[in-house]
PDB file of N, CA and C in Angstrom:
ATOM      1  N   MET A   1       0.839  -1.164   0.000  1.00  0.00           N
ATOM      2  CA  MET A   1       0.000   0.000   0.000  1.00  0.00           C
ATOM      3  C   MET A   1       0.892   1.238   0.000  1.00  0.00           C
ATOM      4  N   TYR A   2       0.389   2.263  -0.663  1.00  0.00           N
ATOM      5  CA  TYR A   2       1.128   3.514  -0.749  1.00  0.00           C
ATOM      6  C   TYR A   2       0.295   4.630  -0.140  1.00  0.00           C
ATOM      7  N   LYS A   3       0.977   5.591   0.482  1.00  0.00           N
ATOM      8  CA  LYS A   3       0.303   6.723   1.101  1.00  0.00           C
ATOM      9  C   LYS A   3       1.059   8.001   0.806  1.00  0.00           C
ATOM     10  N   LEU A   4       0.326   9.092   0.800  1.00  0.00           N
ATOM     11  CA  LEU A   4       0.910  10.430   0.788  1.00  0.00           C
ATOM     12  C   LEU A   4       0.491  11.096   2.090  1.00  0.00           C
ATOM     13  N   LEU A   5       1.486  11.488   2.872  1.00  0.00           N
ATOM     14  CA  LEU A   5       1.224  12.212   4.113  1.00  0.00           C
ATOM     15  C   LEU A   5       1.416  13.688   3.839  1.00  0.00           C
ATOM     16  N   GLN A   6       0.389  14.486   4.091  1.00  0.00           N
ATOM     17  CA  GLN A   6       0.519  15.928   3.912  1.00  0.00           C
ATOM     18  C   GLN A   6       1.147  16.509   5.166  1.00  0.00           C
ATOM     19  N   ILE A   7       2.233  17.261   4.972  1.00  0.00           N
ATOM     20  CA  ILE A   7       3.027  17.802   6.066  1.00  0.00           C
ATOM     21  C   ILE A   7       2.906  19.330   6.100  1.00  0.00           C
ATOM     22  N   VAL A   8       2.602  19.859   7.283  1.00  0.00           N
ATOM     23  CA  VAL A   8       2.593  21.305   7.486  1.00  0.00           C
ATOM     24  C   VAL A   8       3.397  21.588   8.752  1.00  0.00           C
ATOM     25  N   ASP A   9       4.418  22.418   8.620  1.00  0.00           N
ATOM     26  CA  ASP A   9       5.280  22.783   9.758  1.00  0.00           C
ATOM     27  C   ASP A   9       5.797  21.547  10.499  1.00  0.00           C
ATOM     28  N   GLY A  10       6.170  20.512   9.749  1.00  0.00           N
ATOM     29  CA  GLY A  10       6.764  19.318  10.334  1.00  0.00           C
ATOM     30  C   GLY A  10       5.778  18.320  10.912  1.00  0.00           C
ATOM     31  N   SER A  11       4.478  18.612  10.848  1.00  0.00           N
ATOM     32  CA  SER A  11       3.466  17.707  11.394  1.00  0.00           C
ATOM     33  C   SER A  11       2.567  17.157  10.284  1.00  0.00           C
ATOM     34  N   VAL A  12       2.152  15.912  10.428  1.00  0.00           N
ATOM     35  CA  VAL A  12       1.224  15.305   9.472  1.00  0.00           C
ATOM     36  C   VAL A  12      -0.168  15.870   9.733  1.00  0.00           C
ATOM     37  N   VAL A  13      -0.772  16.482   8.713  1.00  0.00           N
ATOM     38  CA  VAL A  13      -2.104  17.055   8.863  1.00  0.00           C
ATOM     39  C   VAL A  13      -3.165  16.255   8.113  1.00  0.00           C
ATOM     40  N   ASP A  14      -2.731  15.410   7.171  1.00  0.00           N
ATOM     41  CA  ASP A  14      -3.668  14.582   6.420  1.00  0.00           C
ATOM     42  C   ASP A  14      -2.935  13.381   5.849  1.00  0.00           C
ATOM     43  N   GLU A  15      -3.672  12.292   5.653  1.00  0.00           N
ATOM     44  CA  GLU A  15      -3.102  11.068   5.092  1.00  0.00           C
ATOM     45  C   GLU A  15      -3.989  10.617   3.941  1.00  0.00           C
ATOM     46  N   HIS A  16      -3.370  10.352   2.792  1.00  0.00           N
ATOM     47  CA  HIS A  16      -4.096   9.938   1.598  1.00  0.00           C
ATOM     48  C   HIS A  16      -3.585   8.568   1.161  1.00  0.00           C
ATOM     49  N   THR A  17      -4.470   7.585   1.114  1.00  0.00           N
ATOM     50  CA  THR A  17      -4.101   6.250   0.646  1.00  0.00           C
ATOM     51  C   THR A  17      -4.258   6.210  -0.864  1.00  0.00           C
ATOM     52  N   LEU A  18      -3.218   5.738  -1.550  1.00  0.00           N
ATOM     53  CA  LEU A  18      -3.262   5.646  -3.013  1.00  0.00           C
ATOM     54  C   LEU A  18      -3.834   4.296  -3.412  1.00  0.00           C
ATOM     55  N   GLY A  19      -4.703   4.306  -4.414  1.00  0.00           N
ATOM     56  CA  GLY A  19      -5.337   3.072  -4.871  1.00  0.00           C
ATOM     57  C   GLY A  19      -5.268   2.940  -6.377  1.00  0.00           C
ATOM     58  N   ASP A  20      -6.214   2.198  -6.922  1.00  0.00           N
ATOM     59  CA  ASP A  20      -6.223   1.929  -8.362  1.00  0.00           C
ATOM     60  C   ASP A  20      -6.471   3.183  -9.196  1.00  0.00           C
ATOM     61  N   GLU A  21      -7.239   4.102  -8.657  1.00  0.00           N
ATOM     62  CA  GLU A  21      -7.524   5.346  -9.368  1.00  0.00           C
ATOM     63  C   GLU A  21      -6.330   6.284  -9.264  1.00  0.00           C
ATOM     64  N   ALA A  22      -6.110   7.064 -10.313  1.00  0.00           N
ATOM     65  CA  ALA A  22      -5.043   8.072 -10.263  1.00  0.00           C
ATOM     66  C   ALA A  22      -5.371   9.060  -9.148  1.00  0.00           C
ATOM     67  N   PHE A  23      -4.350   9.515  -8.454  1.00  0.00           N
ATOM     68  CA  PHE A  23      -4.482  10.489  -7.371  1.00  0.00           C
ATOM     69  C   PHE A  23      -4.005  11.823  -7.917  1.00  0.00           C
ATOM     70  N   SER A  24      -4.896  12.793  -7.983  1.00  0.00           N
ATOM     71  CA  SER A  24      -4.539  14.074  -8.597  1.00  0.00           C
ATOM     72  C   SER A  24      -4.597  15.210  -7.592  1.00  0.00           C
ATOM     73  N   ILE A  25      -3.738  16.180  -7.819  1.00  0.00           N
ATOM     74  CA  ILE A  25      -3.663  17.357  -6.958  1.00  0.00           C
ATOM     75  C   ILE A  25      -3.820  18.587  -7.841  1.00  0.00           C
ATOM     76  N   GLY A  26      -4.745  19.452  -7.471  1.00  0.00           N
ATOM     77  CA  GLY A  26      -4.981  20.681  -8.220  1.00  0.00           C
ATOM     78  C   GLY A  26      -6.189  21.411  -7.663  1.00  0.00           C
ATOM     79  N   ARG A  27      -6.313  22.672  -7.996  1.00  0.00           N
ATOM     80  CA  ARG A  27      -7.408  23.488  -7.471  1.00  0.00           C
ATOM     81  C   ARG A  27      -8.756  23.170  -8.111  1.00  0.00           C
ATOM     82  N   ASN A  28      -8.757  22.595  -9.316  1.00  0.00           N
ATOM     83  CA  ASN A  28     -10.021  22.330 -10.006  1.00  0.00           C
ATOM     84  C   ASN A  28     -10.799  21.205  -9.336  1.00  0.00           C
ATOM     85  N   THR A  29     -12.130  21.276  -9.453  1.00  0.00           N
ATOM     86  CA  THR A  29     -12.966  20.206  -8.923  1.00  0.00           C
ATOM     87  C   THR A  29     -12.634  18.914  -9.661  1.00  0.00           C
ATOM     88  N   GLY A  30     -12.824  17.810  -8.985  1.00  0.00           N
ATOM     89  CA  GLY A  30     -12.514  16.512  -9.573  1.00  0.00           C
ATOM     90  C   GLY A  30     -11.146  15.987  -9.171  1.00  0.00           C
ATOM     91  N   ASN A  31     -10.286  16.828  -8.620  1.00  0.00           N
ATOM     92  CA  ASN A  31      -8.981  16.379  -8.136  1.00  0.00           C
ATOM     93  C   ASN A  31      -9.139  15.717  -6.768  1.00  0.00           C
ATOM     94  N   SER A  32      -8.249  14.794  -6.457  1.00  0.00           N
ATOM     95  CA  SER A  32      -8.280  14.099  -5.166  1.00  0.00           C
ATOM     96  C   SER A  32      -8.014  15.055  -4.012  1.00  0.00           C
ATOM     97  N   VAL A  33      -7.098  16.004  -4.209  1.00  0.00           N
ATOM     98  CA  VAL A  33      -6.822  17.066  -3.245  1.00  0.00           C
ATOM     99  C   VAL A  33      -7.018  18.383  -3.982  1.00  0.00           C
ATOM    100  N   GLN A  34      -7.862  19.249  -3.415  1.00  0.00           N
ATOM    101  CA  GLN A  34      -8.192  20.535  -4.042  1.00  0.00           C
ATOM    102  C   GLN A  34      -7.867  21.676  -3.084  1.00  0.00           C
ATOM    103  N   PRO A  35      -6.589  22.038  -2.990  1.00  0.00           N
ATOM    104  CA  PRO A  35      -6.224  23.101  -2.046  1.00  0.00           C
ATOM    105  C   PRO A  35      -6.672  24.472  -2.533  1.00  0.00           C
ATOM    106  N   ASP A  36      -7.009  25.322  -1.598  1.00  0.00           N
ATOM    107  CA  ASP A  36      -7.311  26.718  -1.900  1.00  0.00           C
ATOM    108  C   ASP A  36      -5.986  27.464  -1.792  1.00  0.00           C
ATOM    109  N   ASP A  37      -5.133  27.285  -2.812  1.00  0.00           N
ATOM    110  CA  ASP A  37      -3.762  27.774  -2.773  1.00  0.00           C
ATOM    111  C   ASP A  37      -3.363  28.214  -4.180  1.00  0.00           C
ATOM    112  N   ALA A  38      -3.143  29.503  -4.359  1.00  0.00           N
ATOM    113  CA  ALA A  38      -2.832  30.044  -5.682  1.00  0.00           C
ATOM    114  C   ALA A  38      -1.522  29.510  -6.255  1.00  0.00           C
ATOM    115  N   SER A  39      -0.646  28.918  -5.424  1.00  0.00           N
ATOM    116  CA  SER A  39       0.616  28.382  -5.928  1.00  0.00           C
ATOM    117  C   SER A  39       0.433  27.012  -6.589  1.00  0.00           C
ATOM    118  N   VAL A  40      -0.762  26.447  -6.461  1.00  0.00           N
ATOM    119  CA  VAL A  40      -1.085  25.142  -7.046  1.00  0.00           C
ATOM    120  C   VAL A  40      -1.947  25.382  -8.283  1.00  0.00           C
ATOM    121  N   SER A  41      -1.561  24.779  -9.415  1.00  0.00           N
ATOM    122  CA  SER A  41      -2.316  24.933 -10.653  1.00  0.00           C
ATOM    123  C   SER A  41      -3.658  24.215 -10.562  1.00  0.00           C
ATOM    124  N   GLY A  42      -4.541  24.510 -11.490  1.00  0.00           N
ATOM    125  CA  GLY A  42      -5.854  23.874 -11.519  1.00  0.00           C
ATOM    126  C   GLY A  42      -5.757  22.363 -11.595  1.00  0.00           C
ATOM    127  N   ASN A  43      -4.889  21.868 -12.443  1.00  0.00           N
ATOM    128  CA  ASN A  43      -4.554  20.439 -12.546  1.00  0.00           C
ATOM    129  C   ASN A  43      -3.037  20.372 -12.484  1.00  0.00           C
ATOM    130  N   HIS A  44      -2.504  20.178 -11.296  1.00  0.00           N
ATOM    131  CA  HIS A  44      -1.068  20.359 -11.060  1.00  0.00           C
ATOM    132  C   HIS A  44      -0.254  19.083 -11.280  1.00  0.00           C
ATOM    133  N   ALA A  45      -0.629  17.996 -10.599  1.00  0.00           N
ATOM    134  CA  ALA A  45       0.167  16.757 -10.658  1.00  0.00           C
ATOM    135  C   ALA A  45      -0.738  15.549 -10.443  1.00  0.00           C
ATOM    136  N   ARG A  46      -0.227  14.387 -10.886  1.00  0.00           N
ATOM    137  CA  ARG A  46      -0.981  13.147 -10.750  1.00  0.00           C
ATOM    138  C   ARG A  46      -0.037  12.023 -10.356  1.00  0.00           C
ATOM    139  N   VAL A  47      -0.471  11.183  -9.396  1.00  0.00           N
ATOM    140  CA  VAL A  47       0.268   9.990  -9.008  1.00  0.00           C
ATOM    141  C   VAL A  47      -0.529   8.781  -9.493  1.00  0.00           C
ATOM    142  N   THR A  48       0.152   7.892 -10.206  1.00  0.00           N
ATOM    143  CA  THR A  48      -0.496   6.676 -10.700  1.00  0.00           C
ATOM    144  C   THR A  48       0.286   5.456 -10.240  1.00  0.00           C
ATOM    145  N   LEU A  49      -0.424   4.352 -10.074  1.00  0.00           N
ATOM    146  CA  LEU A  49       0.185   3.075  -9.723  1.00  0.00           C
ATOM    147  C   LEU A  49       0.099   2.155 -10.932  1.00  0.00           C
ATOM    148  N   ALA A  50       1.162   1.386 -11.162  1.00  0.00           N
ATOM    149  CA  ALA A  50       1.202   0.429 -12.263  1.00  0.00           C
ATOM    150  C   ALA A  50       2.053  -0.766 -11.848  1.00  0.00           C
ATOM    151  N   ALA A  51       1.827  -1.874 -12.512  1.00  0.00           N
ATOM    152  CA  ALA A  51       2.621  -3.070 -12.231  1.00  0.00           C
ATOM    153  C   ALA A  51       4.088  -2.796 -12.543  1.00  0.00           C
ATOM    154  N   SER A  52       4.965  -3.292 -11.697  1.00  0.00           N
ATOM    155  CA  SER A  52       6.399  -3.110 -11.886  1.00  0.00           C
ATOM    156  C   SER A  52       6.877  -3.894 -13.097  1.00  0.00           C
ATOM    157  N   ALA A  53       7.739  -3.274 -13.872  1.00  0.00           N
ATOM    158  CA  ALA A  53       8.341  -3.951 -15.018  1.00  0.00           C
ATOM    159  C   ALA A  53       9.467  -4.882 -14.578  1.00  0.00           C
ATOM    160  N   TYR A  54       9.888  -4.768 -13.321  1.00  0.00           N
ATOM    161  CA  TYR A  54      11.061  -5.499 -12.858  1.00  0.00           C
ATOM    162  C   TYR A  54      10.769  -6.537 -11.774  1.00  0.00           C
ATOM    163  N   LEU A  55       9.743  -6.300 -10.964  1.00  0.00           N
ATOM    164  CA  LEU A  55       9.448  -7.191  -9.852  1.00  0.00           C
ATOM    165  C   LEU A  55       8.043  -7.760  -9.991  1.00  0.00           C
ATOM    166  N   GLU A  56       7.959  -9.083 -10.010  1.00  0.00           N
ATOM    167  CA  GLU A  56       6.666  -9.739 -10.140  1.00  0.00           C
ATOM    168  C   GLU A  56       5.803  -9.436  -8.915  1.00  0.00           C
ATOM    169  N   ASP A  57       4.527  -9.200  -9.139  1.00  0.00           N
ATOM    170  CA  ASP A  57       3.556  -8.912  -8.080  1.00  0.00           C
ATOM    171  C   ASP A  57       3.868  -7.636  -7.302  1.00  0.00           C
ATOM    172  N   ALA A  58       4.640  -6.743  -7.869  1.00  0.00           N
ATOM    173  CA  ALA A  58       4.952  -5.469  -7.211  1.00  0.00           C
ATOM    174  C   ALA A  58       4.361  -4.319  -8.022  1.00  0.00           C
ATOM    175  N   MET A  59       4.094  -3.236  -7.333  1.00  0.00           N
ATOM    176  CA  MET A  59       3.571  -2.042  -7.984  1.00  0.00           C
ATOM    177  C   MET A  59       4.602  -0.916  -7.879  1.00  0.00           C
ATOM    178  N   GLU A  60       4.486   0.026  -8.778  1.00  0.00           N
ATOM    179  CA  GLU A  60       5.333   1.212  -8.752  1.00  0.00           C
ATOM    180  C   GLU A  60       4.432   2.444  -8.785  1.00  0.00           C
ATOM    181  N   ALA A  61       4.831   3.466  -8.080  1.00  0.00           N
ATOM    182  CA  ALA A  61       4.111   4.734  -8.076  1.00  0.00           C
ATOM    183  C   ALA A  61       4.927   5.750  -8.871  1.00  0.00           C
ATOM    184  N   THR A  62       4.244   6.472  -9.736  1.00  0.00           N
ATOM    185  CA  THR A  62       4.889   7.489 -10.563  1.00  0.00           C
ATOM    186  C   THR A  62       4.145   8.802 -10.390  1.00  0.00           C
ATOM    187  N   ILE A  63       4.898   9.879 -10.226  1.00  0.00           N
ATOM    188  CA  ILE A  63       4.288  11.205 -10.190  1.00  0.00           C
ATOM    189  C   ILE A  63       4.579  11.890 -11.516  1.00  0.00           C
ATOM    190  N   GLU A  64       3.603  12.640 -11.989  1.00  0.00           N
ATOM    191  CA  GLU A  64       3.743  13.357 -13.258  1.00  0.00           C
ATOM    192  C   GLU A  64       3.227  14.779 -13.072  1.00  0.00           C
ATOM    193  N   ASP A  65       4.043  15.742 -13.461  1.00  0.00           N
ATOM    194  CA  ASP A  65       3.621  17.133 -13.455  1.00  0.00           C
ATOM    195  C   ASP A  65       2.727  17.350 -14.670  1.00  0.00           C
ATOM    196  N   LEU A  66       1.607  18.015 -14.490  1.00  0.00           N
ATOM    197  CA  LEU A  66       0.640  18.217 -15.567  1.00  0.00           C
ATOM    198  C   LEU A  66       0.780  19.615 -16.172  1.00  0.00           C
ATOM    199  N   ASP A  67       2.021  19.956 -16.531  1.00  0.00           N
ATOM    200  CA  ASP A  67       2.341  21.272 -17.107  1.00  0.00           C
ATOM    201  C   ASP A  67       1.913  22.403 -16.184  1.00  0.00           C
ATOM    202  N   SER A  68       2.193  22.231 -14.905  1.00  0.00           N
ATOM    203  CA  SER A  68       1.837  23.244 -13.907  1.00  0.00           C
ATOM    204  C   SER A  68       2.704  24.485 -14.070  1.00  0.00           C
ATOM    205  N   THR A  69       2.228  25.571 -13.525  1.00  0.00           N
ATOM    206  CA  THR A  69       2.970  26.830 -13.586  1.00  0.00           C
ATOM    207  C   THR A  69       4.203  26.799 -12.696  1.00  0.00           C
ATOM    208  N   ASN A  70       4.051  26.310 -11.462  1.00  0.00           N
ATOM    209  CA  ASN A  70       5.139  26.367 -10.485  1.00  0.00           C
ATOM    210  C   ASN A  70       5.934  25.077 -10.355  1.00  0.00           C
ATOM    211  N   GLY A  71       5.570  24.035 -11.088  1.00  0.00           N
ATOM    212  CA  GLY A  71       6.356  22.808 -11.097  1.00  0.00           C
ATOM    213  C   GLY A  71       6.048  21.865  -9.949  1.00  0.00           C
ATOM    214  N   THR A  72       6.566  20.654 -10.108  1.00  0.00           N
ATOM    215  CA  THR A  72       6.460  19.592  -9.110  1.00  0.00           C
ATOM    216  C   THR A  72       7.878  19.204  -8.735  1.00  0.00           C
ATOM    217  N   PHE A  73       8.148  19.081  -7.438  1.00  0.00           N
ATOM    218  CA  PHE A  73       9.492  18.831  -6.956  1.00  0.00           C
ATOM    219  C   PHE A  73       9.526  17.564  -6.109  1.00  0.00           C
ATOM    220  N   ILE A  74      10.554  16.750  -6.323  1.00  0.00           N
ATOM    221  CA  ILE A  74      10.815  15.569  -5.503  1.00  0.00           C
ATOM    222  C   ILE A  74      12.161  15.803  -4.828  1.00  0.00           C
ATOM    223  N   ASN A  75      12.164  15.813  -3.514  1.00  0.00           N
ATOM    224  CA  ASN A  75      13.391  16.036  -2.738  1.00  0.00           C
ATOM    225  C   ASN A  75      14.142  17.282  -3.215  1.00  0.00           C
ATOM    226  N   GLY A  76      13.378  18.337  -3.542  1.00  0.00           N
ATOM    227  CA  GLY A  76      13.963  19.608  -3.945  1.00  0.00           C
ATOM    228  C   GLY A  76      14.329  19.731  -5.410  1.00  0.00           C
ATOM    229  N   LYS A  77      14.150  18.673  -6.198  1.00  0.00           N
ATOM    230  CA  LYS A  77      14.512  18.698  -7.617  1.00  0.00           C
ATOM    231  C   LYS A  77      13.242  18.714  -8.464  1.00  0.00           C
ATOM    232  N   ARG A  78      13.179  19.667  -9.399  1.00  0.00           N
ATOM    233  CA  ARG A  78      12.005  19.762 -10.276  1.00  0.00           C
ATOM    234  C   ARG A  78      11.966  18.551 -11.204  1.00  0.00           C
ATOM    235  N   VAL A  79      10.776  17.946 -11.318  1.00  0.00           N
ATOM    236  CA  VAL A  79      10.619  16.765 -12.164  1.00  0.00           C
ATOM    237  C   VAL A  79       9.400  16.927 -13.063  1.00  0.00           C
ATOM    238  N   GLN A  80       9.450  16.250 -14.193  1.00  0.00           N
ATOM    239  CA  GLN A  80       8.289  16.172 -15.081  1.00  0.00           C
ATOM    240  C   GLN A  80       7.548  14.864 -14.820  1.00  0.00           C
ATOM    241  N   ARG A  81       8.323  13.788 -14.697  1.00  0.00           N
ATOM    242  CA  ARG A  81       7.755  12.460 -14.421  1.00  0.00           C
ATOM    243  C   ARG A  81       8.836  11.647 -13.716  1.00  0.00           C
ATOM    244  N   GLN A  82       8.470  10.989 -12.606  1.00  0.00           N
ATOM    245  CA  GLN A  82       9.482  10.239 -11.868  1.00  0.00           C
ATOM    246  C   GLN A  82       8.828   9.157 -11.013  1.00  0.00           C
ATOM    247  N   LEU A  83       9.532   8.020 -10.906  1.00  0.00           N
ATOM    248  CA  LEU A  83       9.117   6.978  -9.968  1.00  0.00           C
ATOM    249  C   LEU A  83       9.322   7.496  -8.557  1.00  0.00           C
ATOM    250  N   LEU A  84       8.413   7.133  -7.661  1.00  0.00           N
ATOM    251  CA  LEU A  84       8.537   7.530  -6.267  1.00  0.00           C
ATOM    252  C   LEU A  84       9.117   6.391  -5.456  1.00  0.00           C
ATOM    253  N   LYS A  85       9.909   6.735  -4.451  1.00  0.00           N
ATOM    254  CA  LYS A  85      10.448   5.727  -3.545  1.00  0.00           C
ATOM    255  C   LYS A  85      10.116   6.138  -2.119  1.00  0.00           C
ATOM    256  N   HIS A  86      10.093   5.156  -1.247  1.00  0.00           N
ATOM    257  CA  HIS A  86       9.728   5.399   0.147  1.00  0.00           C
ATOM    258  C   HIS A  86      10.542   6.555   0.732  1.00  0.00           C
ATOM    259  N   GLY A  87       9.844   7.489   1.354  1.00  0.00           N
ATOM    260  CA  GLY A  87      10.505   8.610   2.008  1.00  0.00           C
ATOM    261  C   GLY A  87      10.661   9.843   1.143  1.00  0.00           C
ATOM    262  N   ASP A  88      10.354   9.751  -0.157  1.00  0.00           N
ATOM    263  CA  ASP A  88      10.466  10.935  -1.015  1.00  0.00           C
ATOM    264  C   ASP A  88       9.584  12.053  -0.489  1.00  0.00           C
ATOM    265  N   MET A  89      10.109  13.281  -0.574  1.00  0.00           N
ATOM    266  CA  MET A  89       9.342  14.474  -0.205  1.00  0.00           C
ATOM    267  C   MET A  89       8.900  15.175  -1.478  1.00  0.00           C
ATOM    268  N   LEU A  90       7.598  15.371  -1.618  1.00  0.00           N
ATOM    269  CA  LEU A  90       7.013  16.025  -2.775  1.00  0.00           C
ATOM    270  C   LEU A  90       6.625  17.442  -2.396  1.00  0.00           C
ATOM    271  N   THR A  91       6.937  18.378  -3.275  1.00  0.00           N
ATOM    272  CA  THR A  91       6.510  19.757  -3.082  1.00  0.00           C
ATOM    273  C   THR A  91       5.701  20.174  -4.290  1.00  0.00           C
ATOM    274  N   ILE A  92       4.481  20.604  -4.015  1.00  0.00           N
ATOM    275  CA  ILE A  92       3.555  21.035  -5.062  1.00  0.00           C
ATOM    276  C   ILE A  92       3.030  22.395  -4.629  1.00  0.00           C
ATOM    277  N   GLY A  93       3.522  23.441  -5.286  1.00  0.00           N
ATOM    278  CA  GLY A  93       3.212  24.792  -4.812  1.00  0.00           C
ATOM    279  C   GLY A  93       3.799  24.947  -3.418  1.00  0.00           C
ATOM    280  N   THR A  94       2.969  25.353  -2.467  1.00  0.00           N
ATOM    281  CA  THR A  94       3.436  25.474  -1.089  1.00  0.00           C
ATOM    282  C   THR A  94       3.095  24.232  -0.261  1.00  0.00           C
ATOM    283  N   LEU A  95       2.530  23.201  -0.907  1.00  0.00           N
ATOM    284  CA  LEU A  95       2.153  21.971  -0.214  1.00  0.00           C
ATOM    285  C   LEU A  95       3.330  20.996  -0.156  1.00  0.00           C
ATOM    286  N   SER A  96       3.419  20.265   0.949  1.00  0.00           N
ATOM    287  CA  SER A  96       4.463  19.247   1.108  1.00  0.00           C
ATOM    288  C   SER A  96       3.806  17.917   1.448  1.00  0.00           C
ATOM    289  N   PHE A  97       4.300  16.859   0.802  1.00  0.00           N
ATOM    290  CA  PHE A  97       3.816  15.502   1.035  1.00  0.00           C
ATOM    291  C   PHE A  97       5.014  14.574   1.197  1.00  0.00           C
ATOM    292  N   LYS A  98       4.861  13.557   2.029  1.00  0.00           N
ATOM    293  CA  LYS A  98       5.872  12.511   2.154  1.00  0.00           C
ATOM    294  C   LYS A  98       5.272  11.227   1.601  1.00  0.00           C
ATOM    295  N   PHE A  99       5.999  10.569   0.687  1.00  0.00           N
ATOM    296  CA  PHE A  99       5.536   9.333   0.080  1.00  0.00           C
ATOM    297  C   PHE A  99       5.943   8.161   0.969  1.00  0.00           C
ATOM    298  N   ILE A 100       4.968   7.332   1.312  1.00  0.00           N
ATOM    299  CA  ILE A 100       5.199   6.175   2.171  1.00  0.00           C
ATOM    300  C   ILE A 100       4.860   4.909   1.397  1.00  0.00           C
ATOM    301  N   ASP A 101       5.798   3.968   1.363  1.00  0.00           N
ATOM    302  CA  ASP A 101       5.609   2.651   0.753  1.00  0.00           C
ATOM    303  C   ASP A 101       5.558   1.653   1.907  1.00  0.00           C
ATOM    304  N   THR A 102       4.370   1.213   2.275  1.00  0.00           N
ATOM    305  CA  THR A 102       4.238   0.331   3.435  1.00  0.00           C
ATOM    306  C   THR A 102       4.859  -1.038   3.181  1.00  0.00           C
ATOM    307  N   GLN A 103       5.024  -1.437   1.910  1.00  0.00           N
ATOM    308  CA  GLN A 103       5.700  -2.703   1.602  1.00  0.00           C
ATOM    309  C   GLN A 103       7.164  -2.622   2.014  1.00  0.00           C
ATOM    310  N   THR A 104       7.800  -1.511   1.739  1.00  0.00           N
ATOM    311  CA  THR A 104       9.192  -1.318   2.128  1.00  0.00           C
ATOM    312  C   THR A 104       9.310  -1.317   3.648  1.00  0.00           C
ATOM    313  N   LEU A 105       8.376  -0.666   4.316  1.00  0.00           N
ATOM    314  CA  LEU A 105       8.397  -0.658   5.778  1.00  0.00           C
ATOM    315  C   LEU A 105       8.257  -2.072   6.337  1.00  0.00           C
ATOM    316  N   ALA A 106       7.351  -2.871   5.747  1.00  0.00           N
ATOM    317  CA  ALA A 106       7.114  -4.238   6.226  1.00  0.00           C
ATOM    318  C   ALA A 106       8.334  -5.128   6.010  1.00  0.00           C
ATOM    319  N   MET A 107       9.080  -4.890   4.918  1.00  0.00           N
ATOM    320  CA  MET A 107      10.267  -5.694   4.633  1.00  0.00           C
ATOM    321  C   MET A 107      11.441  -5.275   5.506  1.00  0.00           C
ATOM    322  N   GLY A 108      11.337  -4.105   6.115  1.00  0.00           N
ATOM    323  CA  GLY A 108      12.401  -3.635   6.985  1.00  0.00           C
ATOM    324  C   GLY A 108      13.658  -3.252   6.239  1.00  0.00           C
ATOM    325  N   GLY A 109      13.534  -2.947   4.975  1.00  0.00           N
ATOM    326  CA  GLY A 109      14.719  -2.586   4.193  1.00  0.00           C
ATOM    327  C   GLY A 109      14.370  -1.641   3.073  1.00  0.00           C
ATOM    328  N   THR A 110      15.290  -1.508   2.181  1.00  0.00           N
ATOM    329  CA  THR A 110      15.121  -0.612   1.054  1.00  0.00           C
ATOM    330  C   THR A 110      14.769  -1.407  -0.173  1.00  0.00           C
ATOM    331  N   ARG A 111      13.831  -0.893  -0.908  1.00  0.00           N
ATOM    332  CA  ARG A 111      13.420  -1.497  -2.159  1.00  0.00           C
ATOM    333  C   ARG A 111      14.154  -0.769  -3.271  1.00  0.00           C
ATOM    334  N   ILE A 112      14.777  -1.476  -4.185  1.00  0.00           N
ATOM    335  CA  ILE A 112      15.544  -0.863  -5.266  1.00  0.00           C
ATOM    336  C   ILE A 112      14.699  -0.896  -6.530  1.00  0.00           C
ATOM    337  N   LEU A 113      14.474   0.278  -7.117  1.00  0.00           N
ATOM    338  CA  LEU A 113      13.716   0.373  -8.358  1.00  0.00           C
ATOM    339  C   LEU A 113      14.634   0.930  -9.435  1.00  0.00           C
ATOM    340  N   LEU A 114      14.624   0.312 -10.578  1.00  0.00           N
ATOM    341  CA  LEU A 114      15.414   0.786 -11.705  1.00  0.00           C
ATOM    342  C   LEU A 114      14.537   1.665 -12.563  1.00  0.00           C
ATOM    343  N   GLN A 115      15.021   2.820 -12.924  1.00  0.00           N
ATOM    344  CA  GLN A 115      14.244   3.735 -13.747  1.00  0.00           C
ATOM    345  C   GLN A 115      14.847   3.768 -15.146  1.00  0.00           C
ATOM    346  N   GLU A 116      13.970   3.575 -16.146  1.00  0.00           N
ATOM    347  CA  GLU A 116      14.442   3.596 -17.514  1.00  0.00           C
ATOM    348  C   GLU A 116      14.713   5.030 -17.937  1.00  0.00           C
ATOM    349  N   GLU A 117      15.752   5.217 -18.701  1.00  0.00           N
ATOM    350  CA  GLU A 117      16.092   6.529 -19.235  1.00  0.00           C
ATOM    351  C   GLU A 117      15.291   6.745 -20.508  1.00  0.00           C
ATOM    352  N   GLY A 118      14.924   8.003 -20.739  1.00  0.00           N
ATOM    353  CA  GLY A 118      14.300   8.300 -22.007  1.00  0.00           C
ATOM    354  C   GLY A 118      12.999   8.871 -21.853  1.00  0.00           C
TER     355      GLY A 118
END
């Protein structure tokens, strides 16, 4: 299971469980999270889950910036599309989220994901 923890001033203020449906963040109606925040675009970013190309019976989470004005950042680096790994910090406008992979937590170790170039 995957989760996004919304962080404000170092404290978790909300928890979002990711499922089969794409998880979207943006001010427009229909998004999973609709902040009243001008730094977030109407349709800012989307997280999707898909079967892993490398590990049988495993899923991978990918975040994609939807051509937002202010960009999507993973661990301080602007990204267009990127696989997420346990502990990644996402910044969307002034919002902060921590990505949690409960499978990695249950295994008590680090999960290694290979990302294709291109």
